[in-house]
């Protein structure tokens, strides 16, 4: 039986499931994996309001994309996902302007 733990000779390589689930869903999922540790490095004064809002909005978009992927009537879900992405853009821009998202903040 295979597990997620692989031997040193065969390291675990992330699998691209875009063919099965859709490119947008896979890309957004990878974005959230990148986003989580970035938000953890936000200054304490911003992490619990702005950081939590960014993460919650990103997860809401992921949920809408999942719903759109597995539903025949995708329009409503995609519209809500698009609105969530727009909110996420503004929140990330605000985080950048407040210097929470900064290239030197690695």
Protein backbone atom coordinates (compact mmCIF):
# COMPACT_ATOMS: atom_id res chain seq x y z
CA UNK A 1 0.00 0.00 0.00
CA UNK A 2 1.39 3.41 -0.96
CA UNK A 3 1.36 6.27 1.50
CA UNK A 4 2.24 9.91 1.24
CA UNK A 5 5.59 9.02 2.78
CA UNK A 6 7.90 7.93 -0.02
CA UNK A 7 11.44 6.63 0.18
CA UNK A 8 14.39 8.95 -0.39
CA UNK A 9 14.78 7.53 -3.88
CA UNK A 10 11.22 8.48 -4.80
CA UNK A 11 10.35 11.90 -3.32
CA UNK A 12 6.73 13.00 -3.23
CA UNK A 13 6.01 15.22 -6.22
CA UNK A 14 2.91 17.43 -6.25
CA UNK A 15 0.41 16.09 -8.73
CA UNK A 16 -1.36 18.44 -11.09
CA UNK A 17 -5.05 17.51 -11.00
CA UNK A 18 -6.05 20.32 -13.37
CA UNK A 19 -7.35 17.88 -15.98
CA UNK A 20 -9.83 16.39 -13.51
CA UNK A 21 -10.79 19.47 -11.49
CA UNK A 22 -10.06 22.43 -13.73
CA UNK A 23 -7.15 24.80 -14.08
CA UNK A 24 -8.75 27.62 -12.07
CA UNK A 25 -9.42 25.37 -9.10
CA UNK A 26 -5.88 23.96 -9.12
CA UNK A 27 -4.28 27.38 -9.52
CA UNK A 28 -6.32 28.86 -6.69
CA UNK A 29 -5.52 25.89 -4.48
CA UNK A 30 -1.79 26.46 -5.08
CA UNK A 31 -2.31 30.17 -4.34
CA UNK A 32 -3.81 29.32 -0.94
CA UNK A 33 -0.86 27.04 -0.15
CA UNK A 34 1.43 30.00 -0.90
CA UNK A 35 -0.79 32.49 0.93
CA UNK A 36 -1.06 30.75 4.31
CA UNK A 37 2.58 31.19 5.42
CA UNK A 38 2.67 34.70 3.96
CA UNK A 39 -0.28 35.78 6.12
CA UNK A 40 1.37 34.17 9.16
CA UNK A 41 4.22 36.69 8.74
CA UNK A 42 1.88 39.69 8.79
CA UNK A 43 2.51 42.07 11.70
CA UNK A 44 0.40 41.12 14.70
CA UNK A 45 -1.57 44.36 14.39
CA UNK A 46 -2.74 43.32 10.90
CA UNK A 47 -2.75 39.53 11.04
CA UNK A 48 -5.99 38.98 12.91
CA UNK A 49 -8.21 41.34 10.96
CA UNK A 50 -6.73 41.82 7.51
CA UNK A 51 -4.89 38.48 7.37
CA UNK A 52 -7.91 36.49 8.52
CA UNK A 53 -10.16 38.32 6.06
CA UNK A 54 -7.77 37.58 3.19
CA UNK A 55 -7.59 33.90 4.09
CA UNK A 56 -11.36 33.60 4.57
CA UNK A 57 -12.03 35.29 1.23
CA UNK A 58 -9.51 33.05 -0.53
CA UNK A 59 -11.15 29.96 0.99
CA UNK A 60 -14.61 31.23 -0.03
CA UNK A 61 -13.39 31.54 -3.62
CA UNK A 62 -12.01 28.00 -3.44
CA UNK A 63 -15.40 26.73 -2.24
CA UNK A 64 -17.21 28.48 -5.10
CA UNK A 65 -14.76 27.00 -7.62
CA UNK A 66 -15.30 23.52 -6.17
CA UNK A 67 -19.07 23.99 -6.36
CA UNK A 68 -18.79 25.19 -9.97
CA UNK A 69 -16.61 22.23 -10.87
CA UNK A 70 -19.10 19.66 -9.63
CA UNK A 71 -22.36 21.35 -10.65
CA UNK A 72 -24.03 21.50 -14.03
CA UNK A 73 -25.27 25.06 -13.49
CA UNK A 74 -21.95 26.80 -13.00
CA UNK A 75 -22.91 30.40 -13.74
CA UNK A 76 -23.97 31.49 -10.26
CA UNK A 77 -20.96 29.87 -8.60
CA UNK A 78 -18.52 31.35 -11.08
CA UNK A 79 -20.08 34.80 -10.67
CA UNK A 80 -19.65 34.54 -6.88
CA UNK A 81 -16.09 33.22 -7.31
CA UNK A 82 -15.29 36.17 -9.57
CA UNK A 83 -16.70 38.63 -7.03
CA UNK A 84 -14.61 36.94 -4.33
CA UNK A 85 -11.49 37.26 -6.47
CA UNK A 86 -12.17 40.96 -6.90
CA UNK A 87 -12.49 41.35 -3.11
CA UNK A 88 -9.28 39.38 -2.69
CA UNK A 89 -7.47 41.71 -5.12
CA UNK A 90 -8.49 44.75 -3.09
CA UNK A 91 -7.58 43.10 0.22
CA UNK A 92 -4.16 42.09 -1.10
CA UNK A 93 -3.60 45.58 -2.48
CA UNK A 94 -4.48 46.99 0.94
CA UNK A 95 -2.06 44.55 2.59
CA UNK A 96 0.65 45.65 0.17
CA UNK A 97 -0.05 49.33 0.81
CA UNK A 98 0.16 48.70 4.56
CA UNK A 99 3.48 46.93 3.93
CA UNK A 100 2.23 43.52 5.05
CA UNK A 101 2.93 42.10 1.58
CA UNK A 102 6.40 43.28 0.80
CA UNK A 103 9.23 41.74 -1.19
CA UNK A 104 11.57 42.26 1.76
CA UNK A 105 9.04 40.44 4.03
CA UNK A 106 10.33 36.95 3.06
